Amino acid sequence: MTANIPCILLYHEVDDGSRPLLNHYFINIGPKVFAAHARTLARYFKPISVEELRSAWASGQDVRDRVLMTFDDGYRAAVLNAGPILADLGLDSIWFVNCAFWRNDHVFWLSQLMWIKEQGLLSPFIQMAR
């Protein structure tokens, strides 16, 4: 038996700008492309909200033909660019926000490590850490 879960789409960054510390993760999508995704989902698929999902699970309703949109890490550009698109189309989504990075200038450790690797400094960095 297949689990009764919707198709879950995961987005991260929604921005046209280049992000040197994110470029190699392939997690960035431009606002125009995201808007096309969202319009397509609204027109041809059955997006589901968290409330609908909870209710469906409680009643035993099948949600395998539904789509749930999620955003990971709470990137500011995703909020500013995707938020209005979702609102205009009446689409719900779940936002997973990493509160550790609110109002600070810290860079996620994995982003720092990817930057070190891009600069060709990974081997010296590892040697230094030993």
Protein backbone atom coordinates (compact mmCIF):
# COMPACT_ATOMS: atom_id res chain seq x y z
CA MET A 1 0.00 0.00 0.00
CA THR A 2 1.30 3.44 -0.91
CA ALA A 3 1.55 5.96 1.92
CA ASN A 4 -1.22 8.54 1.91
CA ILE A 5 0.95 11.61 1.35
CA PRO A 6 0.76 14.35 -1.26
CA CYS A 7 3.51 15.14 -3.73
CA ILE A 8 5.80 17.48 -1.78
CA LEU A 9 7.66 20.18 -3.69
CA LEU A 10 10.63 21.74 -1.91
CA TYR A 11 11.90 25.20 -2.73
CA HIS A 12 14.73 27.15 -1.12
CA GLU A 13 15.87 30.44 -2.61
CA VAL A 14 13.65 32.38 -5.05
CA ASP A 15 15.82 35.14 -6.45
CA ASP A 16 17.44 36.31 -9.69
CA GLY A 17 20.66 37.35 -7.97
CA SER A 18 23.79 35.26 -7.83
CA ARG A 19 24.61 33.92 -4.40
CA PRO A 20 28.27 32.82 -4.36
CA LEU A 21 27.76 30.77 -1.21
CA LEU A 22 24.70 28.99 -2.67
CA ASN A 23 25.54 28.63 -6.37
CA HIS A 24 26.73 25.03 -6.21
CA TYR A 25 23.75 23.76 -4.24
CA PHE A 26 21.41 24.28 -7.22
CA ILE A 27 18.69 25.45 -4.84
CA ASN A 28 18.01 28.83 -6.44
CA ILE A 29 15.12 29.48 -8.81
CA GLY A 30 14.31 32.84 -10.38
CA PRO A 31 11.02 34.57 -9.55
CA LYS A 32 9.77 34.33 -13.16
CA VAL A 33 10.40 30.58 -13.27
CA PHE A 34 8.84 30.17 -9.83
CA ALA A 35 5.78 32.16 -10.96
CA ALA A 36 5.44 29.80 -13.94
CA HIS A 37 5.67 26.80 -11.59
CA ALA A 38 3.04 28.29 -9.29
CA ARG A 39 0.66 29.15 -12.15
CA THR A 40 1.02 25.63 -13.52
CA LEU A 41 0.35 24.11 -10.11
CA ALA A 42 -2.69 26.31 -9.58
CA ARG A 43 -4.11 25.54 -13.01
CA TYR A 44 -3.39 21.85 -13.55
CA PHE A 45 -2.86 20.31 -10.12
CA LYS A 46 -4.55 20.22 -6.72
CA PRO A 47 -2.47 22.15 -4.20
CA ILE A 48 -3.27 21.37 -0.58
CA SER A 49 -2.87 23.47 2.55
CA VAL A 50 -1.64 22.17 5.90
CA GLU A 51 -5.15 22.50 7.32
CA GLU A 52 -6.64 20.50 4.45
CA LEU A 53 -3.93 17.87 4.85
CA ARG A 54 -4.61 17.48 8.58
CA SER A 55 -8.33 17.22 7.97
CA ALA A 56 -7.88 14.72 5.14
CA TRP A 57 -5.63 12.52 7.25
CA ALA A 58 -8.05 12.69 10.18
CA SER A 59 -10.96 11.61 7.95
CA GLY A 60 -8.98 9.05 5.96
CA GLN A 61 -9.32 11.00 2.69
CA ASP A 62 -6.80 10.09 -0.03
CA VAL A 63 -4.35 12.94 -0.72
CA ARG A 64 -1.95 11.14 -3.06
CA ASP A 65 -3.17 13.27 -5.99
CA ARG A 66 -2.50 16.55 -4.16
CA VAL A 67 0.56 18.84 -4.12
CA LEU A 68 2.09 20.48 -1.05
CA MET A 69 4.56 23.34 -1.56
CA THR A 70 7.31 23.83 1.01
CA PHE A 71 10.13 26.32 1.47
CA ASP A 72 13.23 25.42 3.39
CA ASP A 73 15.45 27.70 5.49
CA GLY A 74 13.34 30.86 5.20
CA TYR A 75 15.59 32.78 2.82
CA ARG A 76 14.58 36.43 2.77
CA ALA A 77 14.49 36.56 -1.04
CA ALA A 78 12.16 33.56 -1.10
CA VAL A 79 9.77 35.32 1.25
CA LEU A 80 9.93 38.59 -0.68
CA ASN A 81 9.69 37.03 -4.15
CA ALA A 82 7.60 33.88 -3.69
CA GLY A 83 5.25 35.23 -1.02
CA PRO A 84 3.42 37.71 -3.29
CA ILE A 85 3.19 35.14 -6.11
CA LEU A 86 1.63 32.59 -3.77
CA ALA A 87 -0.75 35.21 -2.36
CA ASP A 88 -1.84 36.36 -5.84
CA LEU A 89 -2.64 32.78 -6.83
CA GLY A 90 -4.22 31.86 -3.49
CA LEU A 91 -1.69 29.07 -2.94
CA ASP A 92 -0.75 27.83 0.52
CA SER A 93 2.67 26.59 1.50
CA ILE A 94 4.72 25.50 4.47
CA TRP A 95 7.79 27.53 5.44
CA PHE A 96 10.53 25.91 7.49
CA VAL A 97 12.49 28.77 9.00
CA ASN A 98 15.92 28.38 10.58
CA CYS A 99 15.64 30.87 13.44
CA ALA A 100 19.36 30.64 14.19
CA PHE A 101 20.07 32.92 11.23
CA TRP A 102 17.52 35.66 11.89
CA ARG A 103 19.01 39.13 12.17
CA ASN A 104 22.62 38.08 12.02
CA ASP A 105 25.45 38.11 9.53
CA HIS A 106 26.51 34.50 10.03
CA VAL A 107 26.87 32.21 7.05
CA PHE A 108 25.70 28.61 7.26
CA TRP A 109 28.70 26.33 7.90
CA LEU A 110 28.08 24.24 4.79
CA SER A 111 28.02 27.39 2.64
CA GLN A 112 31.35 28.40 4.13
CA LEU A 113 32.81 24.98 3.40
CA MET A 114 31.57 25.08 -0.22
CA TRP A 115 33.20 28.51 -0.65
CA ILE A 116 36.49 27.18 0.74
CA LYS A 117 36.29 24.28 -1.72
CA GLU A 118 35.53 26.65 -4.65
CA GLN A 119 38.64 28.66 -3.80
CA GLY A 120 40.80 25.53 -3.95
CA LEU A 121 41.52 25.81 -0.24
CA LEU A 122 39.84 22.66 1.03
CA SER A 123 43.01 20.54 1.30
CA PRO A 124 44.96 23.25 3.17
CA PHE A 125 41.93 23.83 5.38
CA ILE A 126 41.75 20.13 6.27
CA GLN A 127 45.50 19.99 6.88
CA MET A 128 45.25 23.01 9.15
CA ALA A 129 42.43 21.39 11.12
CA ARG A 130 44.46 18.24 11.86
